Protein backbone atom coordinates (compact mmCIF):
# COMPACT_ATOMS: atom_id res chain seq x y z
CA UNK A 1 19.28 -2.12 6.93
CA UNK A 2 17.87 -0.78 3.66
CA UNK A 3 14.78 -2.98 4.09
CA UNK A 4 14.11 -1.61 7.57
CA UNK A 5 14.41 1.98 6.35
CA UNK A 6 12.00 1.28 3.47
CA UNK A 7 9.51 -0.34 5.85
CA UNK A 8 9.70 2.64 8.19
CA UNK A 9 9.19 5.03 5.26
CA UNK A 10 6.18 2.99 4.16
CA UNK A 11 4.82 3.10 7.71
CA UNK A 12 5.20 6.88 7.76
CA UNK A 13 3.37 7.08 4.42
CA UNK A 14 0.55 4.87 5.76
CA UNK A 15 0.25 6.97 8.92
CA UNK A 16 0.20 10.27 7.02
CA UNK A 17 -2.38 9.06 4.51
CA UNK A 18 -4.58 7.62 7.25
CA UNK A 19 -4.63 11.05 8.88
CA UNK A 20 -5.39 12.80 5.59
CA UNK A 21 -8.05 10.47 4.15
CA UNK A 22 -11.38 10.19 5.95
CA UNK A 23 -12.09 6.64 4.76
CA UNK A 24 -8.83 5.16 6.08
CA UNK A 25 -8.05 4.74 9.77
CA UNK A 26 -4.97 3.47 11.55
CA UNK A 27 -4.73 3.27 15.36
CA UNK A 28 -1.17 4.47 15.80
CA UNK A 29 2.46 4.20 14.85
CA UNK A 30 2.74 0.52 15.72
CA UNK A 31 -0.32 -0.29 13.61
CA UNK A 32 1.18 1.69 10.73
CA UNK A 33 4.38 -0.38 10.95
CA UNK A 34 2.33 -3.59 11.02
CA UNK A 35 0.36 -2.38 7.97
CA UNK A 36 3.62 -1.66 6.12
CA UNK A 37 4.97 -5.14 6.91
CA UNK A 38 1.71 -6.90 5.99
CA UNK A 39 1.39 -4.93 2.74
CA UNK A 40 4.96 -5.87 1.85
CA UNK A 41 4.28 -9.55 2.51
CA UNK A 42 0.99 -9.48 0.58
CA UNK A 43 2.68 -7.71 -2.34
CA UNK A 44 5.35 -10.39 -2.31
CA UNK A 45 3.08 -13.44 -2.03
CA UNK A 46 -0.47 -12.64 -3.16
CA UNK A 47 -0.05 -9.91 -5.76
CA UNK A 48 1.89 -12.04 -8.31
CA UNK A 49 -0.82 -14.69 -8.13
CA UNK A 50 -3.57 -12.11 -8.67
CA UNK A 51 -1.67 -10.57 -11.57
CA UNK A 52 -1.32 -13.94 -13.27
CA UNK A 53 -4.99 -14.83 -12.70
CA UNK A 54 -6.21 -11.50 -14.06
CA UNK A 55 -3.69 -11.18 -16.90
CA UNK A 56 -6.31 -11.04 -19.71
CA UNK A 57 -8.26 -8.18 -18.12
CA UNK A 58 -4.99 -6.43 -17.22
CA UNK A 59 -3.90 -6.57 -20.86
CA UNK A 60 -7.31 -5.38 -22.11
CA UNK A 61 -7.23 -2.41 -19.72
CA UNK A 62 -3.61 -1.66 -20.62
CA UNK A 63 -2.50 -2.26 -17.03
CA UNK A 64 -5.07 -0.08 -15.29
CA UNK A 65 -6.57 -3.13 -13.61
CA UNK A 66 -3.38 -3.28 -11.50
CA UNK A 67 -4.80 -0.33 -9.54
CA UNK A 68 -7.78 -2.51 -8.61
CA UNK A 69 -5.44 -5.34 -7.64
CA UNK A 70 -3.52 -2.97 -5.35
CA UNK A 71 -6.83 -1.87 -3.79
CA UNK A 72 -7.81 -5.51 -3.22
CA UNK A 73 -4.46 -6.08 -1.49
CA UNK A 74 -5.19 -3.10 0.79
CA UNK A 75 -8.69 -4.42 1.56
CA UNK A 76 -7.15 -7.81 2.39
CA UNK A 77 -4.74 -6.09 4.77
CA UNK A 78 -7.76 -4.35 6.29
CA UNK A 79 -9.30 -7.75 7.06
CA UNK A 80 -6.06 -9.12 8.51
CA UNK A 81 -5.09 -6.19 10.78
CA UNK A 82 -7.27 -5.02 13.67
CA UNK A 83 -5.86 -1.49 13.97
CA UNK A 84 -6.30 -0.66 10.27
CA UNK A 85 -9.55 -0.09 8.41
CA UNK A 86 -10.58 1.08 4.96
CA UNK A 87 -14.24 1.97 4.38
CA UNK A 88 -14.70 0.71 0.80
CA UNK A 89 -13.01 -0.09 -2.51
CA UNK A 90 -12.96 3.57 -3.60
CA UNK A 91 -11.03 4.64 -0.52
CA UNK A 92 -8.71 1.67 -1.07
CA UNK A 93 -8.07 2.78 -4.68
CA UNK A 94 -7.36 6.35 -3.59
CA UNK A 95 -5.18 5.13 -0.71
CA UNK A 96 -3.29 2.83 -3.09
CA UNK A 97 -2.58 5.56 -5.64
CA UNK A 98 -1.54 8.12 -3.03
CA UNK A 99 0.55 5.55 -1.15
CA UNK A 100 2.44 4.72 -4.34
CA UNK A 101 3.10 8.40 -5.04
CA UNK A 102 4.18 9.11 -1.46
CA UNK A 103 6.43 6.02 -1.34
CA UNK A 104 8.22 7.02 -4.54
CA UNK A 105 8.68 10.59 -3.25
CA UNK A 106 10.10 9.38 0.05
CA UNK A 107 12.39 6.87 -1.62
CA UNK A 108 13.68 9.42 -4.13
CA UNK A 109 14.28 11.79 -1.22
CA UNK A 110 16.30 9.09 0.57
CA UNK A 111 18.38 8.45 -2.56
CA UNK A 112 19.28 12.13 -2.85
CA UNK A 113 20.21 12.22 0.86
CA UNK A 114 22.67 9.33 0.43
CA UNK A 115 24.63 11.16 -2.28
């Protein structure tokens, strides 16, 4: 149940950010849910491999290259999903940073609601 709630919160965050950012488009609520699921799967399967392959540059940049890896994951999701599009890498970086912030805010809000 907790997984479904987190996926729905992520879908809400994707939908809100797509409406706020000009370079990111999502067709509707269903597409936002699909984006949340695909991003979760890509973060589970592809991201660890990318982190291992780019470990030297990640260490040199003190972890800042992880932002680029997150943007690449978002661009990969853009290629996989028809109802989701990101214009370029810069919009993907901005979307990634704002999505992380919004996800942590929503999850902290849910933790305070459970208490």
